[in-house]
Protein backbone atom coordinates (compact mmCIF):
# COMPACT_ATOMS: atom_id res chain seq x y z
CA MET A 1 65.36 207.04 65.30
CA GLU A 2 63.39 204.68 67.39
CA TYR A 3 64.03 200.98 67.97
CA ASN A 4 62.03 198.13 69.55
CA ILE A 5 63.74 195.26 71.28
CA TYR A 6 61.80 191.99 71.98
CA CYS A 7 63.28 189.60 74.55
CA ASP A 8 62.55 186.00 75.68
CA GLU A 9 64.24 183.25 77.56
CA SER A 10 64.66 179.52 77.79
CA CYS A 11 65.22 177.42 80.92
CA HIS A 12 65.46 180.36 83.30
CA LEU A 13 64.29 178.58 86.43
CA GLU A 14 66.96 177.80 89.05
CA HIS A 15 65.96 174.21 89.68
CA ASP A 16 64.60 172.99 86.43
CA ASN A 17 67.27 170.33 85.88
CA GLN A 18 68.43 172.14 82.77
CA LYS A 19 72.10 173.01 82.51
CA TYR A 20 71.94 175.93 80.14
CA MET A 21 69.80 179.05 80.24
CA VAL A 22 69.46 181.20 77.15
CA LEU A 23 68.36 184.81 77.07
CA GLY A 24 67.93 186.52 73.72
CA GLY A 25 66.36 189.47 71.96
CA ILE A 26 65.55 190.79 68.51
CA ILE A 27 65.93 194.48 67.69
CA CYS A 28 64.36 196.31 64.72
CA GLU A 29 63.34 199.80 63.79
CA LYS A 30 60.06 200.70 65.48
CA SER A 31 58.71 202.13 62.21
CA ASN A 32 59.16 198.62 60.52
CA ARG A 33 57.37 196.54 63.12
CA LYS A 34 54.12 196.57 61.21
CA SER A 35 55.65 195.48 57.95
CA ILE A 36 57.56 192.72 59.68
CA LYS A 37 54.36 191.51 61.29
CA ARG A 38 52.57 191.62 57.89
CA ASP A 39 55.46 189.65 56.29
CA ILE A 40 55.23 186.89 58.95
CA LEU A 41 51.44 186.72 58.68
CA ASN A 42 51.89 186.25 54.92
CA ILE A 43 54.24 183.33 55.60
CA LYS A 44 51.65 181.89 57.87
CA ASN A 45 49.01 182.28 55.20
CA ARG A 46 51.21 180.43 52.67
CA PHE A 47 51.58 177.44 54.90
CA ASN A 48 47.97 177.46 56.06
CA ILE A 49 48.96 178.33 59.65
CA PRO A 50 46.21 180.00 61.70
CA TYR A 51 46.60 183.78 62.15
CA ARG A 52 46.81 183.52 65.94
CA ALA A 53 49.02 180.35 66.15
CA GLU A 54 52.11 181.24 68.13
CA ILE A 55 55.58 180.77 66.73
CA LYS A 56 57.30 178.60 69.36
CA TRP A 57 60.27 176.23 69.37
CA ASN A 58 58.19 173.68 71.23
CA LYS A 59 55.71 173.60 68.35
CA VAL A 60 58.28 172.61 65.77
CA SER A 61 57.14 169.33 64.12
CA PRO A 62 57.65 167.39 60.90
CA SER A 63 54.35 168.79 59.48
CA LYS A 64 55.49 172.37 60.12
CA LEU A 65 59.19 172.06 59.40
CA GLU A 66 59.10 173.93 56.09
CA TYR A 67 57.11 176.72 57.60
CA TYR A 68 59.62 177.14 60.43
CA LYS A 69 62.46 177.08 57.94
CA GLU A 70 60.81 179.84 56.04
CA LEU A 71 60.62 181.90 59.26
CA VAL A 72 64.30 181.36 59.77
CA ASN A 73 65.01 182.36 56.21
CA TYR A 74 62.92 185.53 56.64
CA PHE A 75 64.98 186.49 59.74
CA PHE A 76 68.35 186.08 58.00
CA GLU A 77 67.20 187.80 54.83
CA ASN A 78 65.64 190.88 56.55
CA ASP A 79 68.41 193.40 57.17
CA ASP A 80 66.19 195.23 59.75
CA LEU A 81 66.15 192.25 62.21
CA ARG A 82 69.11 191.65 64.48
CA PHE A 83 69.48 189.11 67.20
CA ARG A 84 71.72 188.69 70.28
CA ALA A 85 71.70 185.94 72.94
CA LEU A 86 73.49 185.03 76.20
CA ILE A 87 74.13 181.30 76.89
CA ILE A 88 74.79 180.64 80.62
CA ASP A 89 75.81 177.40 82.34
CA LYS A 90 73.68 177.50 85.43
CA THR A 91 75.76 174.82 87.23
CA GLN A 92 78.45 177.51 87.68
CA LEU A 93 76.09 179.82 89.64
CA ASN A 94 76.90 180.87 93.22
CA HIS A 95 74.20 183.33 94.32
CA LYS A 96 75.35 183.23 97.89
CA LEU A 97 78.87 184.57 96.88
CA PHE A 98 77.23 187.61 95.33
CA ASN A 99 74.51 187.99 97.94
CA GLN A 100 71.72 187.75 95.37
CA THR A 101 68.54 185.77 94.64
CA HIS A 102 68.08 183.88 91.45
CA ASP A 103 65.58 186.48 90.28
CA ASP A 104 68.14 189.30 90.96
CA TRP A 105 70.67 187.37 88.87
CA TYR A 106 68.07 186.71 86.12
CA TYR A 107 67.35 190.37 85.56
CA LYS A 108 71.10 191.19 85.78
CA MET A 109 71.62 188.86 82.83
CA TYR A 110 68.94 190.78 80.95
CA TYR A 111 71.12 193.85 81.61
CA TYR A 112 74.20 192.17 80.12
CA LEU A 113 72.06 191.05 77.13
CA LEU A 114 70.64 194.52 76.49
CA ILE A 115 73.71 196.63 77.10
CA ASN A 116 75.20 195.43 73.85
CA LEU A 117 71.86 195.30 71.88
CA VAL A 118 70.47 198.80 72.42
CA GLU A 119 71.30 201.60 70.04
CA PRO A 120 73.06 203.97 72.31
CA LYS A 121 72.44 207.15 70.33
CA GLN A 122 68.79 206.42 69.51
CA GLU A 123 65.50 205.88 71.41
CA ASN A 124 64.96 202.28 72.55
CA TYR A 125 61.70 200.68 73.62
CA ILE A 126 62.27 197.23 75.24
CA TYR A 127 59.73 194.44 75.76
CA LEU A 128 60.48 191.53 78.05
CA ASP A 129 58.42 188.35 78.07
CA ILE A 130 56.32 188.20 81.30
CA LYS A 131 58.03 186.03 83.91
CA ASP A 132 55.83 186.38 86.97
CA THR A 133 53.81 188.88 89.04
CA LYS A 134 57.11 190.56 90.20
CA SER A 135 58.16 191.43 86.70
CA ALA A 136 57.21 195.16 86.99
CA SER A 137 59.65 196.01 89.78
CA LYS A 138 62.43 193.97 88.28
CA VAL A 139 61.92 195.62 84.86
CA GLU A 140 62.27 199.00 86.48
CA GLY A 141 65.61 197.87 87.92
CA VAL A 142 66.89 196.81 84.55
CA LYS A 143 65.97 200.21 83.15
CA LYS A 144 67.89 201.99 85.86
CA TYR A 145 71.00 199.70 85.42
CA LEU A 146 71.03 200.39 81.73
CA SER A 147 70.46 204.06 82.03
CA PHE A 148 73.31 204.41 84.51
CA LYS A 149 75.68 202.40 82.24
CA LEU A 150 74.79 204.53 79.27
CA MET A 151 74.80 207.71 81.40
CA ASP A 152 71.26 208.14 80.17
CA TYR A 153 70.02 209.78 83.38
CA GLU A 154 67.04 211.50 81.68
CA PHE A 155 66.05 208.31 79.89
CA ASN A 156 66.52 209.67 76.42
CA VAL A 157 68.05 206.43 75.18
CA ILE A 158 66.06 203.82 77.20
CA LYS A 159 62.65 205.30 76.65
CA ASN A 160 60.76 202.40 78.23
CA ILE A 161 61.05 198.84 79.42
CA GLN A 162 57.87 196.82 80.00
CA SER A 163 56.63 193.27 80.27
CA MET A 164 54.69 191.78 77.43
CA ASN A 165 52.89 188.49 76.78
CA SER A 166 54.58 186.80 73.89
CA GLU A 167 51.13 186.20 72.35
CA GLU A 168 51.10 189.85 71.52
CA SER A 169 54.17 190.01 69.37
CA VAL A 170 55.28 187.77 66.45
CA ILE A 171 58.75 189.36 66.69
CA MET A 172 59.08 188.14 70.28
CA GLN A 173 57.87 184.73 69.09
CA LEU A 174 60.59 184.68 66.46
CA ALA A 175 63.12 185.34 69.24
CA ASP A 176 61.71 182.37 71.03
CA LEU A 177 62.32 180.21 68.01
CA LEU A 178 66.02 181.17 67.74
CA ILE A 179 66.51 180.94 71.54
CA GLY A 180 64.91 177.46 71.56
CA ALA A 181 67.30 176.22 68.86
CA ILE A 182 70.29 177.58 70.76
CA GLY A 183 69.24 175.88 73.93
CA TYR A 184 68.54 172.62 72.04
CA ARG A 185 72.05 172.70 70.60
CA ASN A 186 73.79 173.48 73.91
CA ARG A 187 71.84 170.93 75.97
CA LYS A 188 72.57 168.34 73.25
CA VAL A 189 68.89 167.26 73.24
CA TYR A 190 69.36 166.21 69.64
CA ASP A 191 71.49 163.26 70.78
CA GLU A 192 68.78 161.75 72.84
CA GLU A 193 66.95 158.76 71.34
CA GLU A 194 63.47 160.35 71.60
CA SER A 195 64.58 163.71 70.19
CA SER A 196 62.62 165.27 67.34
CA TRP A 197 64.31 165.02 63.96
CA ALA A 198 62.40 168.04 62.84
CA LYS A 199 63.90 170.17 65.57
CA LYS A 200 67.33 168.82 64.81
CA GLU A 201 66.93 169.72 61.15
CA LEU A 202 65.67 173.16 62.00
CA MET A 203 68.69 173.67 64.39
CA MET A 204 71.04 172.63 61.61
CA HIS A 205 69.24 175.02 59.27
CA ILE A 206 69.93 177.92 61.67
CA ILE A 207 73.53 176.78 61.95
CA ASP A 208 73.84 176.80 58.20
CA ARG A 209 72.26 180.22 57.78
CA SER A 210 74.16 181.91 60.62
CA GLY A 211 77.51 180.29 60.00
CA TYR A 212 77.87 179.69 63.66
CA SER A 213 77.88 176.47 65.83
CA LEU A 214 75.50 178.03 68.42
CA THR A 215 77.84 176.87 71.17
CA LYS A 216 80.63 179.49 70.94
CA ASN A 217 80.93 183.29 71.08
CA THR A 218 80.65 185.27 68.01
CA MET A 219 82.75 188.41 67.58
CA LEU A 220 81.25 191.28 69.66
CA SER A 221 81.09 193.22 66.40
CA GLU A 222 78.74 190.61 64.82
CA LYS A 223 75.45 192.48 64.35
CA LYS A 224 73.07 190.06 62.69
CA PHE A 225 73.42 187.03 65.02
CA ASN A 226 75.40 187.75 68.14
CA LEU A 227 76.16 185.09 70.78
CA PHE A 228 77.92 185.41 74.15
CA CYS A 229 78.59 182.25 76.16
CA ILE A 230 79.07 183.22 79.70
CA ASN A 231 81.61 181.09 81.58
CA LEU A 232 81.57 182.20 85.19
CA LYS A 233 84.43 179.89 86.10
CA ALA A 234 86.74 181.14 83.34
CA GLY A 235 86.55 184.83 84.18
CA ASP A 236 83.26 185.97 82.81
CA ASN A 237 82.46 186.64 86.42
CA ILE A 238 79.69 189.17 86.28
CA GLY A 239 77.80 187.91 89.32
């Protein structure tokens, strides 16, 4: 069986004055991607959302709140869609200690995201949101790390990893929505005076549907909505 994994991120830059970085991905059977896209386009049509309008956390607004809630409902009610995210406190980073750049670390985090998301006995096709012009070489490094860990030396499990513009995939955009809510919760933006009540309500809707606070680890065995909060100072020292 073949699987597609669509990944995105929030606040990944080293000096963006944001404490938490979130990496996340949605996995689904490759054969179902067209029906998922069709379902999402039908939701857009019901709410009079333009066909090409991107699904983005930053676009959540009072006028579109019910539309975004319906997208969240769709994710949780579709058994073929599964999500995993890493939540990292960037204030704990010490790149010098590990003799690495921030970009090296960034793609290493993708490795730790994906190693528990891929289907180890199946064929996996992984799509990462384009970060910059250096993405191609880093993506190849992630592929090698994953294949080594899985002893997949002939690339039978990790068939391909490539960069993709999020505009090309509504599933990647759905990942952006979930990632945005997780980052919003951990950075406590909802407590700020000028925060969006619509985003807060959507965040609470995701908390209700998932059954998780969005700030703590889920069980590793959790398949539908898996979260891993990396605490480098507490022993999750993965460099």
